[in-house]
């Protein structure tokens, strides 16, 4: 099931963000929000057949997340958790 593979990949990517390098708090918050949007949408689709429009939206959300998170692929996990806490506090 392609949707399940996308969801698993998304979760792994978000966890991988634990190992990334810093630019600005606003950018990391945008990255985390994009990942959350993708996960929330994927969760809604996981128990049903996915049509072309839903799959396209999923791909668009994934592309947005990848663009917003590109700068954080090598950030240290501890630093990522600190920045994530700052985002949640805002």
C-alpha atoms as a PDB file:
ATOM      1  CA  UNK A   1       0.000   0.000   0.000  1.00  0.00           C
ATOM      2  CA  UNK A   2       1.692   3.176  -1.248  1.00  0.00           C
ATOM      3  CA  UNK A   3      -0.026   5.384   1.336  1.00  0.00           C
ATOM      4  CA  UNK A   4       1.340   3.302   4.194  1.00  0.00           C
ATOM      5  CA  UNK A   5       4.857   3.563   2.736  1.00  0.00           C
ATOM      6  CA  UNK A   6       4.486   7.347   2.443  1.00  0.00           C
ATOM      7  CA  UNK A   7       3.257   7.571   6.028  1.00  0.00           C
ATOM      8  CA  UNK A   8       6.143   5.453   7.307  1.00  0.00           C
ATOM      9  CA  UNK A   9       8.629   7.534   5.312  1.00  0.00           C
ATOM     10  CA  UNK A  10       7.139  10.727   6.665  1.00  0.00           C
ATOM     11  CA  UNK A  11       7.436   9.549  10.236  1.00  0.00           C
ATOM     12  CA  UNK A  12      11.046   8.523   9.626  1.00  0.00           C
ATOM     13  CA  UNK A  13      11.835  11.877   8.058  1.00  0.00           C
ATOM     14  CA  UNK A  14      10.385  13.736  11.015  1.00  0.00           C
ATOM     15  CA  UNK A  15      12.390  11.574  13.393  1.00  0.00           C
ATOM     16  CA  UNK A  16      15.451  12.158  11.234  1.00  0.00           C
ATOM     17  CA  UNK A  17      14.993  15.869  11.789  1.00  0.00           C
ATOM     18  CA  UNK A  18      16.426  15.101  15.205  1.00  0.00           C
ATOM     19  CA  UNK A  19      19.830  15.081  13.512  1.00  0.00           C
ATOM     20  CA  UNK A  20      19.731  18.458  11.727  1.00  0.00           C
ATOM     21  CA  UNK A  21      21.743  21.957  11.552  1.00  0.00           C
ATOM     22  CA  UNK A  22      20.131  25.282  12.620  1.00  0.00           C
ATOM     23  CA  UNK A  23      19.081  28.374  10.729  1.00  0.00           C
ATOM     24  CA  UNK A  24      16.221  30.173  12.475  1.00  0.00           C
ATOM     25  CA  UNK A  25      13.512  29.284  14.929  1.00  0.00           C
ATOM     26  CA  UNK A  26      10.839  30.488  12.501  1.00  0.00           C
ATOM     27  CA  UNK A  27      12.136  28.112   9.826  1.00  0.00           C
ATOM     28  CA  UNK A  28      12.234  25.096  12.149  1.00  0.00           C
ATOM     29  CA  UNK A  29       8.707  25.861  13.331  1.00  0.00           C
ATOM     30  CA  UNK A  30       7.538  26.029   9.694  1.00  0.00           C
ATOM     31  CA  UNK A  31       9.256  22.704   9.046  1.00  0.00           C
ATOM     32  CA  UNK A  32       7.609  21.060  12.054  1.00  0.00           C
ATOM     33  CA  UNK A  33       4.209  22.476  11.096  1.00  0.00           C
ATOM     34  CA  UNK A  34       4.566  21.161   7.533  1.00  0.00           C
ATOM     35  CA  UNK A  35       5.432  17.717   8.904  1.00  0.00           C
ATOM     36  CA  UNK A  36       2.429  17.823  11.218  1.00  0.00           C
ATOM     37  CA  UNK A  37       0.138  18.807   8.335  1.00  0.00           C
ATOM     38  CA  UNK A  38       1.404  15.898   6.267  1.00  0.00           C
ATOM     39  CA  UNK A  39       1.027  13.420   9.135  1.00  0.00           C
ATOM     40  CA  UNK A  40      -2.472  14.632   9.980  1.00  0.00           C
ATOM     41  CA  UNK A  41      -3.599  14.319   6.368  1.00  0.00           C
ATOM     42  CA  UNK A  42      -1.993  10.891   5.947  1.00  0.00           C
ATOM     43  CA  UNK A  43      -3.675   9.680   9.137  1.00  0.00           C
ATOM     44  CA  UNK A  44      -7.080  10.575   7.703  1.00  0.00           C
ATOM     45  CA  UNK A  45      -6.377   8.548   4.565  1.00  0.00           C
ATOM     46  CA  UNK A  46      -4.757   5.469   6.059  1.00  0.00           C
ATOM     47  CA  UNK A  47      -7.992   3.517   6.573  1.00  0.00           C
ATOM     48  CA  UNK A  48      -9.574   4.132   3.173  1.00  0.00           C
ATOM     49  CA  UNK A  49      -8.990   3.897  -0.550  1.00  0.00           C
ATOM     50  CA  UNK A  50      -7.108   6.948  -1.788  1.00  0.00           C
ATOM     51  CA  UNK A  51      -8.245   8.722  -4.932  1.00  0.00           C
ATOM     52  CA  UNK A  52      -6.028  10.707  -7.311  1.00  0.00           C
ATOM     53  CA  UNK A  53      -6.968  14.078  -5.806  1.00  0.00           C
ATOM     54  CA  UNK A  54      -6.088  12.900  -2.281  1.00  0.00           C
ATOM     55  CA  UNK A  55      -2.835  11.373  -3.481  1.00  0.00           C
ATOM     56  CA  UNK A  56      -1.940  14.643  -5.240  1.00  0.00           C
ATOM     57  CA  UNK A  57      -2.608  16.622  -2.057  1.00  0.00           C
ATOM     58  CA  UNK A  58      -0.448  14.154  -0.105  1.00  0.00           C
ATOM     59  CA  UNK A  59       2.399  14.596  -2.593  1.00  0.00           C
ATOM     60  CA  UNK A  60       2.017  18.403  -2.420  1.00  0.00           C
ATOM     61  CA  UNK A  61       2.169  18.331   1.384  1.00  0.00           C
ATOM     62  CA  UNK A  62       5.218  16.051   1.242  1.00  0.00           C
ATOM     63  CA  UNK A  63       6.947  18.390  -1.225  1.00  0.00           C
ATOM     64  CA  UNK A  64       6.208  21.417   0.971  1.00  0.00           C
ATOM     65  CA  UNK A  65       7.564  19.623   4.035  1.00  0.00           C
ATOM     66  CA  UNK A  66      10.710  18.537   2.195  1.00  0.00           C
ATOM     67  CA  UNK A  67      11.399  22.115   1.066  1.00  0.00           C
ATOM     68  CA  UNK A  68      10.806  23.620   4.501  1.00  0.00           C
ATOM     69  CA  UNK A  69      12.869  20.942   6.273  1.00  0.00           C
ATOM     70  CA  UNK A  70      15.823  20.708   3.877  1.00  0.00           C
ATOM     71  CA  UNK A  71      18.048  22.888   6.071  1.00  0.00           C
ATOM     72  CA  UNK A  72      17.530  20.650   9.102  1.00  0.00           C
ATOM     73  CA  UNK A  73      18.560  17.226   7.813  1.00  0.00           C
ATOM     74  CA  UNK A  74      21.797  17.192   9.816  1.00  0.00           C
ATOM     75  CA  UNK A  75      20.714  18.968  13.011  1.00  0.00           C
ATOM     76  CA  UNK A  76      21.719  17.469  16.355  1.00  0.00           C
ATOM     77  CA  UNK A  77      18.808  15.717  18.108  1.00  0.00           C
ATOM     78  CA  UNK A  78      19.204  17.686  21.330  1.00  0.00           C
ATOM     79  CA  UNK A  79      19.141  20.996  19.459  1.00  0.00           C
ATOM     80  CA  UNK A  80      16.095  19.869  17.473  1.00  0.00           C
ATOM     81  CA  UNK A  81      14.198  19.075  20.673  1.00  0.00           C
ATOM     82  CA  UNK A  82      15.082  22.500  22.129  1.00  0.00           C
ATOM     83  CA  UNK A  83      13.856  24.282  19.002  1.00  0.00           C
ATOM     84  CA  UNK A  84      10.736  22.132  18.892  1.00  0.00           C
ATOM     85  CA  UNK A  85       9.967  23.119  22.502  1.00  0.00           C
ATOM     86  CA  UNK A  86      10.366  26.787  21.528  1.00  0.00           C
ATOM     87  CA  UNK A  87       7.888  26.308  18.675  1.00  0.00           C
ATOM     88  CA  UNK A  88       5.357  24.659  20.966  1.00  0.00           C
ATOM     89  CA  UNK A  89       5.720  27.534  23.429  1.00  0.00           C
ATOM     90  CA  UNK A  90       4.724  30.133  20.810  1.00  0.00           C
END
